[in-house]
N, C-alpha and C. Protein backbone atom coordinates (compact mmCIF):
# COMPACT_ATOMS: atom_id res chain seq x y z
N MET A 1 -64.51 39.72 47.81
CA MET A 1 -64.44 38.82 48.23
C MET A 1 -65.25 38.12 47.36
N LEU A 2 -66.01 38.59 46.41
CA LEU A 2 -67.18 37.66 45.45
C LEU A 2 -65.87 37.65 44.73
N ALA A 3 -64.88 38.31 43.94
CA ALA A 3 -63.92 38.06 43.10
C ALA A 3 -62.91 36.71 43.62
N ALA A 4 -62.88 36.56 45.08
CA ALA A 4 -61.91 36.04 45.24
C ALA A 4 -62.52 34.60 45.47
N VAL A 5 -63.68 34.37 45.59
CA VAL A 5 -64.32 33.15 45.39
C VAL A 5 -64.65 32.91 43.96
N ALA A 6 -64.66 33.52 42.95
CA ALA A 6 -64.29 32.92 42.01
C ALA A 6 -63.47 32.79 41.09
N THR A 7 -62.19 33.67 41.61
CA THR A 7 -61.48 32.85 41.17
C THR A 7 -60.78 31.55 42.09
N VAL A 8 -61.01 31.11 43.30
CA VAL A 8 -60.71 29.93 44.33
C VAL A 8 -62.06 28.69 43.23
N THR A 9 -62.67 28.94 42.49
CA THR A 9 -63.96 28.51 41.81
C THR A 9 -63.03 27.95 40.43
N ALA A 10 -62.42 29.08 40.40
CA ALA A 10 -61.74 28.46 38.41
C ALA A 10 -60.58 27.94 38.91
N VAL A 11 -59.94 27.72 39.53
CA VAL A 11 -58.16 27.24 40.18
C VAL A 11 -59.01 25.55 40.29
N ALA A 12 -60.37 25.48 41.41
CA ALA A 12 -60.13 24.46 41.33
C ALA A 12 -61.29 23.69 40.33
N ALA A 13 -61.81 24.44 39.05
CA ALA A 13 -62.08 23.76 37.71
C ALA A 13 -61.16 23.32 36.96
N LEU A 14 -59.68 23.96 37.25
CA LEU A 14 -58.70 23.16 36.51
C LEU A 14 -57.84 22.82 37.41
N ALA A 15 -58.16 22.48 38.26
CA ALA A 15 -57.91 21.72 38.75
C ALA A 15 -57.79 20.02 38.94
N ALA A 16 -59.52 19.97 38.53
CA ALA A 16 -60.13 18.85 38.57
C ALA A 16 -59.73 17.85 36.70
N GLY A 17 -58.93 18.92 36.10
CA GLY A 17 -58.47 17.98 34.83
C GLY A 17 -59.81 18.23 33.72
N CYS A 18 -59.64 16.72 33.35
CA CYS A 18 -60.68 16.50 31.72
C CYS A 18 -61.68 15.77 32.82
N GLY A 19 -61.92 15.53 33.87
CA GLY A 19 -63.33 14.97 34.26
C GLY A 19 -62.34 13.45 33.98
N ILE A 20 -61.62 12.91 33.42
CA ILE A 20 -61.86 11.43 34.05
C ILE A 20 -61.48 11.23 34.97
N ARG A 21 -62.21 10.44 35.96
CA ARG A 21 -61.23 9.73 37.59
C ARG A 21 -60.17 9.09 36.49
N SER A 22 -58.86 8.84 38.06
CA SER A 22 -58.11 7.50 37.30
C SER A 22 -58.82 6.06 38.37
N THR A 23 -58.37 5.69 37.91
CA THR A 23 -58.22 3.45 37.77
C THR A 23 -56.92 3.07 38.25
N SER A 24 -57.20 2.16 39.40
CA SER A 24 -56.52 1.51 39.75
C SER A 24 -56.36 0.30 39.20
N VAL A 25 -57.24 -0.24 38.67
CA VAL A 25 -57.20 -0.99 37.55
C VAL A 25 -56.96 -0.31 35.97
N PRO A 26 -55.91 -1.97 35.67
CA PRO A 26 -55.06 -1.32 34.30
C PRO A 26 -56.32 -1.72 33.26
N VAL A 27 -55.91 -0.89 32.17
CA VAL A 27 -57.33 -1.36 31.02
C VAL A 27 -56.51 -0.97 29.72
N ASP A 28 -56.63 -1.79 28.41
CA ASP A 28 -56.13 -1.80 27.85
C ASP A 28 -57.09 -1.33 26.69
N ALA A 29 -57.11 -0.39 26.52
CA ALA A 29 -57.72 0.24 25.56
C ALA A 29 -57.62 0.29 23.70
N GLY A 30 -56.26 -0.44 23.51
CA GLY A 30 -55.92 -0.75 22.16
C GLY A 30 -54.76 0.25 22.15
N ALA A 31 -54.19 0.28 20.28
CA ALA A 31 -53.29 1.16 20.05
C ALA A 31 -53.17 3.28 20.63
N ALA A 32 -52.28 3.77 20.69
CA ALA A 32 -52.04 4.61 21.51
C ALA A 32 -53.06 5.22 19.65
N PRO A 33 -53.83 6.32 19.59
CA PRO A 33 -54.16 7.02 19.34
C PRO A 33 -52.91 7.66 17.68
N SER A 34 -53.12 7.82 16.69
CA SER A 34 -51.99 8.26 16.35
C SER A 34 -52.44 9.16 14.61
N ARG A 35 -51.32 10.31 14.51
CA ARG A 35 -52.07 11.54 13.19
C ARG A 35 -51.33 10.71 11.81
N VAL A 36 -50.73 9.73 11.65
CA VAL A 36 -50.57 9.24 10.82
C VAL A 36 -51.52 8.93 9.80
N PRO A 37 -51.68 9.07 8.37
CA PRO A 37 -53.22 8.73 7.97
C PRO A 37 -53.27 6.87 7.45
N CYS A 38 -52.05 6.76 7.78
CA CYS A 38 -52.08 4.62 6.80
C CYS A 38 -53.00 4.71 5.43
N ARG A 39 -52.81 5.51 4.46
CA ARG A 39 -53.34 5.58 3.40
C ARG A 39 -52.33 6.25 2.57
N THR A 40 -51.98 5.24 1.48
CA THR A 40 -51.51 6.06 0.21
C THR A 40 -51.72 6.25 -0.81
N PRO A 41 -51.20 7.37 -1.77
CA PRO A 41 -51.82 7.44 -3.00
C PRO A 41 -52.26 6.17 -4.04
N ALA A 42 -53.42 6.51 -4.67
CA ALA A 42 -53.54 5.16 -5.33
C ALA A 42 -52.97 5.05 -7.01
N HIS A 43 -52.34 3.73 -7.32
CA HIS A 43 -51.66 3.95 -8.44
C HIS A 43 -52.41 3.90 -9.25
N ASP A 44 -51.12 4.30 -10.67
CA ASP A 44 -51.47 4.44 -12.01
C ASP A 44 -52.00 3.21 -12.70
N VAL A 45 -52.45 2.20 -12.78
CA VAL A 45 -53.00 0.94 -13.47
C VAL A 45 -52.69 0.79 -15.22
N THR A 46 -52.88 2.22 -15.65
CA THR A 46 -52.81 2.22 -17.21
C THR A 46 -51.26 2.63 -17.19
N SER A 47 -50.77 2.77 -16.78
CA SER A 47 -49.14 2.62 -16.76
C SER A 47 -48.42 1.75 -16.57
N GLN A 48 -48.76 0.49 -16.55
CA GLN A 48 -47.69 -0.69 -15.88
C GLN A 48 -47.84 -1.96 -17.25
N ALA A 49 -46.52 -2.31 -17.15
CA ALA A 49 -46.48 -3.65 -18.22
C ALA A 49 -47.74 -4.90 -17.64
N LEU A 50 -48.26 -4.89 -18.89
CA LEU A 50 -48.96 -6.28 -19.47
C LEU A 50 -48.88 -7.20 -17.94
N GLU A 51 -47.40 -7.44 -17.69
CA GLU A 51 -47.10 -8.67 -17.09
C GLU A 51 -47.12 -8.05 -15.81
N ASP A 52 -47.17 -7.24 -15.33
CA ASP A 52 -47.44 -6.64 -14.33
C ASP A 52 -48.97 -6.67 -13.28
N ILE A 53 -48.85 -7.55 -12.22
CA ILE A 53 -50.32 -7.73 -11.66
C ILE A 53 -49.99 -7.49 -10.26
N GLU A 54 -50.97 -6.86 -10.02
CA GLU A 54 -51.23 -6.11 -8.37
C GLU A 54 -51.74 -6.69 -7.55
N VAL A 55 -50.90 -6.84 -6.55
CA VAL A 55 -51.36 -7.62 -5.40
C VAL A 55 -51.22 -6.93 -3.82
N GLN A 56 -52.13 -7.15 -3.00
CA GLN A 56 -51.90 -6.71 -0.98
C GLN A 56 -50.99 -7.23 -0.87
N VAL A 57 -50.35 -6.74 0.04
CA VAL A 57 -49.60 -7.49 1.43
C VAL A 57 -49.86 -6.44 2.46
N TYR A 58 -49.54 -6.78 3.60
CA TYR A 58 -50.10 -6.25 5.06
C TYR A 58 -48.49 -5.66 5.51
N LEU A 59 -48.88 -3.97 5.60
CA LEU A 59 -47.42 -3.69 6.59
C LEU A 59 -48.07 -3.34 7.91
N VAL A 60 -47.04 -2.57 8.78
CA VAL A 60 -47.84 -2.10 9.95
C VAL A 60 -48.06 -0.29 9.59
N CYS A 61 -48.58 -0.46 10.53
CA CYS A 61 -49.02 0.87 10.33
C CYS A 61 -50.06 1.50 11.57
N ALA A 62 -49.63 2.45 12.42
CA ALA A 62 -50.73 2.82 13.55
C ALA A 62 -50.35 0.99 14.90
N SER A 63 -49.17 0.73 14.83
CA SER A 63 -49.66 -0.51 15.67
C SER A 63 -50.20 -1.36 14.58
N GLN A 64 -51.25 -1.10 13.92
CA GLN A 64 -51.81 -2.19 13.47
C GLN A 64 -51.60 -2.82 12.44
N LEU A 65 -52.09 -3.81 11.25
CA LEU A 65 -51.74 -4.21 9.89
C LEU A 65 -52.88 -4.06 9.27
N MET A 66 -52.22 -3.38 7.91
CA MET A 66 -53.33 -2.13 7.10
C MET A 66 -52.41 -2.98 5.80
N THR A 67 -53.07 -3.13 4.56
CA THR A 67 -52.95 -3.43 3.05
C THR A 67 -52.57 -2.49 2.28
N VAL A 68 -51.40 -2.35 1.68
CA VAL A 68 -51.00 -1.60 1.04
C VAL A 68 -50.98 -2.27 -0.71
N ASN A 69 -50.82 -2.03 -2.04
CA ASN A 69 -51.35 -2.16 -3.35
C ASN A 69 -50.22 -1.98 -4.16
N ARG A 70 -49.99 -3.18 -4.26
CA ARG A 70 -47.50 -3.25 -5.00
C ARG A 70 -48.41 -4.15 -6.47
N SER A 71 -47.77 -3.60 -7.49
CA SER A 71 -47.54 -4.00 -8.84
C SER A 71 -46.29 -4.76 -8.70
N VAL A 72 -46.76 -6.01 -9.05
CA VAL A 72 -45.58 -7.67 -9.16
C VAL A 72 -45.49 -7.84 -11.02
N ARG A 73 -44.36 -8.47 -10.77
CA ARG A 73 -44.18 -9.73 -11.93
C ARG A 73 -43.95 -10.56 -11.06
N LEU A 74 -44.71 -11.62 -11.87
CA LEU A 74 -44.67 -12.71 -11.12
C LEU A 74 -43.67 -14.00 -12.67
N ASP A 75 -42.76 -14.97 -11.86
CA ASP A 75 -42.17 -15.31 -12.99
C ASP A 75 -42.60 -17.22 -13.27
N SER A 76 -42.74 -17.11 -14.17
CA SER A 76 -43.51 -18.41 -14.92
C SER A 76 -43.03 -19.46 -14.45
N ALA A 77 -41.88 -19.76 -14.35
CA ALA A 77 -40.76 -20.83 -14.13
C ALA A 77 -40.61 -21.98 -12.82
N GLU A 78 -41.98 -21.27 -12.13
CA GLU A 78 -41.55 -21.50 -11.06
C GLU A 78 -43.11 -22.06 -10.73
N PRO A 79 -43.36 -23.36 -10.28
CA PRO A 79 -45.07 -23.39 -9.82
C PRO A 79 -46.21 -22.68 -8.78
N ASP A 80 -47.24 -22.73 -9.35
CA ASP A 80 -48.06 -21.44 -8.83
C ASP A 80 -48.38 -20.62 -7.09
N ARG A 81 -48.54 -21.63 -6.50
CA ARG A 81 -47.97 -22.06 -5.39
C ARG A 81 -46.78 -21.17 -4.27
N ILE A 82 -45.51 -21.62 -5.10
CA ILE A 82 -44.68 -21.40 -4.70
C ILE A 82 -44.15 -20.00 -5.01
N ARG A 83 -44.33 -19.61 -6.26
CA ARG A 83 -43.59 -18.43 -7.08
C ARG A 83 -45.18 -17.30 -6.26
N VAL A 84 -46.75 -17.40 -6.22
CA VAL A 84 -47.20 -16.39 -5.35
C VAL A 84 -46.69 -16.19 -4.16
N ALA A 85 -46.12 -16.94 -2.97
CA ALA A 85 -45.64 -16.85 -2.03
C ALA A 85 -44.25 -16.17 -1.89
N ARG A 86 -43.42 -16.47 -2.95
CA ARG A 86 -41.88 -15.67 -2.80
C ARG A 86 -42.31 -14.76 -2.97
N VAL A 87 -43.11 -14.23 -4.07
CA VAL A 87 -43.69 -12.49 -4.92
C VAL A 87 -43.88 -11.52 -3.50
N LEU A 88 -45.27 -12.34 -2.71
CA LEU A 88 -45.48 -11.99 -1.81
C LEU A 88 -44.79 -11.97 -0.38
N LEU A 89 -43.46 -12.54 -0.51
CA LEU A 89 -42.46 -12.14 0.94
C LEU A 89 -41.33 -11.81 0.50
N ASP A 90 -40.57 -11.59 -1.18
CA ASP A 90 -40.65 -10.32 -1.32
C ASP A 90 -40.77 -9.23 -0.71
N GLU A 91 -42.19 -8.93 -1.35
CA GLU A 91 -42.90 -7.56 -0.95
C GLU A 91 -43.01 -7.30 0.25
N LEU A 92 -42.75 -8.11 1.31
CA LEU A 92 -43.13 -7.66 2.63
C LEU A 92 -41.70 -7.08 3.33
N GLN A 93 -40.85 -7.55 2.21
CA GLN A 93 -39.73 -7.39 3.08
C GLN A 93 -38.48 -6.27 2.37
N LYS A 94 -39.71 -5.62 1.29
CA LYS A 94 -39.10 -4.48 0.57
C LYS A 94 -39.30 -3.10 1.42
N ALA A 95 -38.20 -2.51 1.79
CA ALA A 95 -38.44 -0.99 2.38
C ALA A 95 -39.61 -0.63 2.02
N PRO A 96 -40.65 0.04 2.42
CA PRO A 96 -41.49 0.97 2.63
C PRO A 96 -41.22 2.04 1.23
N SER A 97 -42.43 2.32 0.65
CA SER A 97 -42.02 3.27 -1.02
C SER A 97 -41.77 4.62 -0.01
N ALA A 98 -41.39 5.95 -0.53
CA ALA A 98 -41.51 7.30 0.12
C ALA A 98 -42.91 7.40 0.68
N ASP A 99 -44.18 7.50 -0.41
CA ASP A 99 -45.15 7.53 0.24
C ASP A 99 -45.83 6.77 1.31
N GLU A 100 -45.38 5.29 1.10
CA GLU A 100 -46.28 4.55 2.42
C GLU A 100 -45.30 4.71 3.91
N ARG A 101 -44.12 5.62 3.59
CA ARG A 101 -42.90 5.97 4.84
C ARG A 101 -43.85 7.18 5.03
N GLN A 102 -44.78 7.77 4.46
CA GLN A 102 -44.71 9.44 4.62
C GLN A 102 -45.92 8.97 5.33
N ALA A 103 -46.69 8.29 5.02
CA ALA A 103 -48.51 7.70 5.53
C ALA A 103 -48.34 6.79 6.91
N GLY A 104 -46.84 6.58 7.16
CA GLY A 104 -46.33 5.58 7.87
C GLY A 104 -46.56 4.31 8.66
N PHE A 105 -46.80 3.47 7.11
CA PHE A 105 -45.97 2.10 7.03
C PHE A 105 -44.54 1.73 7.22
N SER A 106 -44.79 0.45 8.21
CA SER A 106 -43.02 0.07 8.05
C SER A 106 -43.58 -1.50 8.43
N THR A 107 -42.54 -1.99 7.71
CA THR A 107 -42.11 -3.73 7.54
C THR A 107 -41.28 -4.37 8.69
N GLY A 108 -41.13 -5.35 9.54
CA GLY A 108 -40.76 -6.00 10.15
C GLY A 108 -40.06 -7.49 10.11
N VAL A 109 -40.48 -7.74 7.95
CA VAL A 109 -40.43 -8.83 8.02
C VAL A 109 -38.63 -8.66 7.58
N PRO A 110 -37.75 -10.04 8.04
CA PRO A 110 -36.07 -10.10 7.53
C PRO A 110 -36.03 -10.15 6.12
N THR A 111 -34.99 -9.53 5.80
CA THR A 111 -34.53 -9.79 4.23
C THR A 111 -34.47 -11.03 4.24
N GLY A 112 -33.45 -11.49 5.26
CA GLY A 112 -32.95 -13.08 4.69
C GLY A 112 -34.05 -14.30 4.84
N LEU A 113 -35.15 -13.95 5.41
CA LEU A 113 -36.28 -14.86 5.40
C LEU A 113 -36.54 -15.81 4.12
N ARG A 114 -36.80 -16.70 3.57
CA ARG A 114 -36.53 -17.44 2.28
C ARG A 114 -38.05 -18.03 2.49
N VAL A 115 -39.01 -18.62 1.63
CA VAL A 115 -39.62 -20.13 1.30
C VAL A 115 -39.70 -21.06 0.31
N SER A 116 -40.02 -22.62 1.10
CA SER A 116 -39.71 -23.38 -0.51
C SER A 116 -41.08 -23.88 -0.19
N ALA A 117 -41.20 -24.97 -0.78
CA ALA A 117 -41.94 -25.88 -0.99
C ALA A 117 -42.05 -26.49 -0.10
N ALA A 118 -43.33 -27.46 0.38
CA ALA A 118 -43.35 -28.56 1.60
C ALA A 118 -42.16 -29.41 1.15
N ARG A 119 -42.43 -30.64 2.41
CA ARG A 119 -41.69 -31.81 2.27
C ARG A 119 -42.64 -33.15 2.20
N ALA A 120 -41.63 -34.28 1.76
CA ALA A 120 -42.73 -34.72 1.37
C ALA A 120 -43.93 -35.50 2.26
N ASP A 121 -43.45 -35.67 3.81
CA ASP A 121 -44.44 -35.76 4.37
C ASP A 121 -45.20 -34.56 5.39
N ASP A 122 -45.37 -33.47 4.83
CA ASP A 122 -45.93 -32.18 4.94
C ASP A 122 -47.05 -32.75 5.14
N PRO A 123 -47.78 -32.19 5.63
CA PRO A 123 -49.31 -32.24 5.69
C PRO A 123 -49.83 -31.15 4.19
N ALA A 124 -51.07 -31.28 3.48
CA ALA A 124 -51.17 -30.38 2.29
C ALA A 124 -51.29 -28.90 2.59
N GLY A 125 -50.80 -27.99 1.65
CA GLY A 125 -51.07 -26.49 2.09
C GLY A 125 -49.80 -26.17 2.45
N THR A 126 -48.61 -26.96 3.43
CA THR A 126 -47.33 -26.73 4.10
C THR A 126 -46.46 -25.81 3.33
N LEU A 127 -46.35 -24.52 3.53
CA LEU A 127 -45.11 -24.15 3.38
C LEU A 127 -43.98 -23.54 4.13
N ARG A 128 -42.16 -23.85 3.63
CA ARG A 128 -41.33 -24.02 4.87
C ARG A 128 -40.40 -22.79 4.74
N LEU A 129 -40.44 -22.50 5.65
CA LEU A 129 -39.64 -20.63 5.72
C LEU A 129 -38.16 -21.42 6.09
N ASN A 130 -37.03 -20.74 6.14
CA ASN A 130 -35.83 -21.12 6.39
C ASN A 130 -35.70 -20.38 7.72
N GLU A 131 -36.68 -20.27 8.52
CA GLU A 131 -36.33 -19.87 9.96
C GLU A 131 -38.08 -20.35 10.25
N GLN A 132 -37.79 -20.93 11.89
CA GLN A 132 -38.46 -20.99 12.98
C GLN A 132 -39.60 -20.41 12.64
N PRO A 133 -40.67 -20.72 12.48
CA PRO A 133 -42.12 -19.20 12.40
C PRO A 133 -42.04 -18.53 13.61
N GLU A 134 -42.16 -19.05 14.42
CA GLU A 134 -42.39 -19.07 16.09
C GLU A 134 -41.18 -17.96 16.94
N ASP A 135 -40.02 -18.15 15.47
CA ASP A 135 -39.06 -17.42 16.25
C ASP A 135 -38.85 -16.19 15.48
N LEU A 136 -39.51 -15.85 14.85
CA LEU A 136 -39.53 -14.78 14.41
C LEU A 136 -40.54 -13.30 14.65
N PRO A 137 -40.10 -12.08 14.75
CA PRO A 137 -40.82 -11.53 15.67
C PRO A 137 -42.74 -11.53 15.06
N ALA A 138 -43.08 -11.32 16.30
CA ALA A 138 -44.37 -11.57 16.35
C ALA A 138 -45.00 -11.24 15.36
N GLU A 139 -44.70 -9.46 14.72
CA GLU A 139 -45.75 -8.36 14.01
C GLU A 139 -45.15 -8.94 12.62
N ALA A 140 -44.12 -9.42 12.24
CA ALA A 140 -43.47 -10.14 11.07
C ALA A 140 -44.09 -11.11 10.68
N LEU A 141 -44.72 -11.92 11.72
CA LEU A 141 -45.29 -13.39 11.23
C LEU A 141 -46.64 -13.20 10.91
N ALA A 142 -47.03 -11.89 11.99
CA ALA A 142 -48.84 -11.41 11.68
C ALA A 142 -48.80 -11.42 10.03
N GLN A 143 -47.62 -10.01 9.61
CA GLN A 143 -47.63 -9.60 8.30
C GLN A 143 -47.81 -11.06 7.15
N ILE A 144 -46.92 -11.92 7.37
CA ILE A 144 -46.87 -12.89 6.17
C ILE A 144 -48.18 -13.80 6.36
N VAL A 145 -48.73 -14.46 7.52
CA VAL A 145 -49.64 -15.16 7.56
C VAL A 145 -50.84 -14.12 7.07
N CYS A 146 -51.05 -12.64 7.41
CA CYS A 146 -52.24 -11.83 7.08
C CYS A 146 -51.89 -11.50 5.58
N SER A 147 -50.53 -12.04 4.84
CA SER A 147 -50.54 -11.68 3.20
C SER A 147 -51.11 -12.68 2.35
N TYR A 148 -50.34 -13.71 3.26
CA TYR A 148 -50.59 -15.38 2.38
C TYR A 148 -51.75 -15.61 2.96
N ALA A 149 -52.81 -15.46 3.80
CA ALA A 149 -54.27 -15.95 4.44
C ALA A 149 -55.16 -15.03 2.89
N ASP A 150 -54.66 -14.34 2.24
CA ASP A 150 -55.48 -13.51 1.07
C ASP A 150 -55.80 -13.44 -0.55
N SER A 151 -54.66 -14.93 -0.37
CA SER A 151 -53.83 -15.53 -1.08
C SER A 151 -55.51 -16.65 -1.49
N GLU A 152 -56.34 -17.33 -2.39
CA GLU A 152 -56.78 -18.18 -2.20
C GLU A 152 -55.90 -19.57 -2.58
N THR A 153 -54.38 -19.56 -2.91
CA THR A 153 -53.67 -20.29 -2.99
C THR A 153 -53.34 -21.01 -2.17
N LEU A 154 -52.56 -19.99 -1.35
CA LEU A 154 -51.84 -20.21 -0.11
C LEU A 154 -52.55 -20.84 1.51
N VAL A 155 -54.18 -20.76 1.40
CA VAL A 155 -54.72 -21.18 2.07
C VAL A 155 -54.93 -22.18 2.25
N THR A 156 -54.91 -22.98 3.63
CA THR A 156 -55.39 -24.75 4.13
C THR A 156 -56.47 -24.72 4.78
N GLY A 157 -58.07 -24.96 4.66
CA GLY A 157 -58.97 -24.89 5.67
C GLY A 157 -59.13 -23.48 6.71
N GLY A 158 -59.06 -22.46 6.31
CA GLY A 158 -58.70 -20.99 6.56
C GLY A 158 -57.34 -20.63 7.37
N THR A 159 -56.08 -21.61 7.15
CA THR A 159 -55.37 -21.37 7.82
C THR A 159 -53.97 -21.36 6.92
N VAL A 160 -53.45 -20.92 7.33
CA VAL A 160 -52.14 -20.39 6.68
C VAL A 160 -50.45 -21.83 7.04
N VAL A 161 -50.30 -22.77 6.89
CA VAL A 161 -49.65 -23.80 7.07
C VAL A 161 -48.08 -23.79 6.97
N LEU A 162 -47.70 -23.04 8.19
CA LEU A 162 -46.21 -23.08 8.17
C LEU A 162 -45.24 -24.00 8.81
N GLY A 163 -44.20 -24.45 7.68
CA GLY A 163 -43.42 -24.60 8.85
C GLY A 163 -41.51 -24.07 9.15
N GLY A 164 -40.70 -24.98 9.42
CA GLY A 164 -39.26 -23.98 9.39
C GLY A 164 -38.12 -25.06 8.50
N PRO A 165 -37.49 -24.72 9.15
CA PRO A 165 -36.20 -25.40 8.40
C PRO A 165 -35.75 -27.37 9.14
N GLY A 166 -36.23 -27.11 10.54
CA GLY A 166 -36.02 -28.50 11.41
C GLY A 166 -36.85 -29.88 11.26
N ASP A 167 -37.03 -30.27 11.99
CA ASP A 167 -38.25 -31.50 12.37
C ASP A 167 -39.20 -31.29 12.61
N TYR A 168 -39.23 -29.61 13.36
CA TYR A 168 -40.51 -29.33 14.39
C TYR A 168 -42.02 -30.08 13.02
N ALA A 169 -43.12 -30.26 13.38
CA ALA A 169 -44.39 -30.34 12.95
C ALA A 169 -45.21 -28.90 12.62
N PRO A 170 -45.25 -28.58 11.33
CA PRO A 170 -45.41 -27.45 11.12
C PRO A 170 -46.89 -27.13 11.65
N ARG A 171 -47.54 -26.10 11.89
CA ARG A 171 -48.19 -25.15 12.90
C ARG A 171 -49.78 -24.68 11.68
N GLY A 172 -51.27 -24.05 11.78
CA GLY A 172 -51.53 -23.44 10.99
C GLY A 172 -51.94 -22.27 11.50
N TYR A 173 -51.44 -21.29 10.79
CA TYR A 173 -51.72 -20.31 11.47
C TYR A 173 -53.38 -19.04 11.38
N PRO A 174 -54.00 -18.89 11.58
CA PRO A 174 -55.39 -17.72 11.21
C PRO A 174 -55.08 -16.40 10.95
N CYS A 175 -55.27 -15.98 10.32
CA CYS A 175 -55.36 -14.47 10.10
C CYS A 175 -56.59 -13.61 10.83
N ALA A 176 -57.07 -13.84 12.32
CA ALA A 176 -58.02 -13.10 12.50
C ALA A 176 -57.85 -11.84 12.83
N SER A 177 -59.16 -11.04 12.54
CA SER A 177 -59.12 -9.24 13.59
C SER A 177 -58.74 -8.90 13.97
N GLU A 178 -58.59 -10.55 15.06
CA GLU A 178 -57.26 -9.37 16.30
C GLU A 178 -56.00 -9.59 15.88
N THR A 179 -55.59 -10.41 14.92
CA THR A 179 -54.18 -10.48 14.24
C THR A 179 -53.75 -9.13 13.72
N LYS A 180 -54.85 -8.72 13.12
CA LYS A 180 -54.98 -7.16 12.39
C LYS A 180 -54.98 -6.41 12.97
N THR A 181 -55.46 -6.16 14.13
CA THR A 181 -55.42 -5.17 14.97
C THR A 181 -54.18 -4.80 16.05
N ARG A 182 -53.90 -6.40 16.82
CA ARG A 182 -52.65 -6.73 17.90
C ARG A 182 -51.90 -7.71 17.33
N PRO A 183 -50.85 -7.18 15.75
CA PRO A 183 -50.37 -8.44 15.11
C PRO A 183 -49.01 -8.31 16.35
N GLY A 184 -48.66 -8.06 17.37
CA GLY A 184 -47.94 -8.69 18.64
C GLY A 184 -48.65 -9.75 18.84
N GLU A 185 -49.33 -10.57 18.41
CA GLU A 185 -50.00 -11.80 19.33
C GLU A 185 -50.71 -12.79 18.65
N VAL A 186 -50.09 -13.08 17.62
CA VAL A 186 -50.55 -13.81 16.70
C VAL A 186 -50.75 -15.87 16.96
N PRO A 187 -52.13 -15.68 16.99
CA PRO A 187 -52.59 -17.14 17.66
C PRO A 187 -51.93 -17.87 16.68
N THR A 188 -51.56 -19.05 16.87
CA THR A 188 -50.57 -20.00 17.18
C THR A 188 -51.47 -21.62 16.97
N LEU A 189 -52.27 -22.47 15.91
CA LEU A 189 -53.15 -23.30 16.19
C LEU A 189 -51.81 -24.57 16.51
N GLY A 190 -52.47 -25.86 16.71
CA GLY A 190 -51.37 -26.57 17.26
C GLY A 190 -51.41 -27.44 16.07
N ALA A 191 -49.87 -27.96 16.22
CA ALA A 191 -49.09 -28.99 15.16
C ALA A 191 -49.66 -29.71 14.68
N LEU A 192 -49.83 -30.04 13.10
CA LEU A 192 -50.46 -30.67 12.13
C LEU A 192 -49.80 -31.95 12.28
N GLU A 193 -50.90 -33.03 11.98
CA GLU A 193 -50.07 -34.19 11.82
C GLU A 193 -49.88 -35.19 10.15
N ARG A 194 -48.50 -35.27 10.47
CA ARG A 194 -48.44 -35.61 9.03
C ARG A 194 -49.10 -36.84 8.30
N PRO A 195 -49.34 -36.57 6.88
CA PRO A 195 -50.62 -37.82 6.46
C PRO A 195 -49.59 -39.13 6.63
């Protein structure tokens, strides 16, 4: 009889599960846990050419934006702002290296995307893309905004000002902590007035 009671108690304990009660209210607990490390090995800077510089770009890992270091060479034939914007965009479009892939990194920035200087009537600091920013995948836009936001030369009033190929007014995009943790939900500021 005592063995039967012990068996029933053990079965009831197993049936209770992990002790977390179910709820009818949806709960947003953020991204699911991931086993990928989201860390790449350090680069050996001693072997780089003197013309190369180290830059950081944001890639997607475990549904969040995380920085990776890249070694790039700048072409001095272009103005500084556009040169920096193009170099960063090029790095975002590259397929992650073997080490980056193994660490869980990916990129969603389209390879055909291009960036150019502002138009004459654009607000100061505007960069123009050959696609409307709002038409890009949200994670790709977040990657671009946060990578540009880390460069002092590409930020205006705390935001990255982007326009597209059409007549829509450029918009300011901030890279907030929420943008990095939830890159699928990039907040957009209002359209900026032309001077």
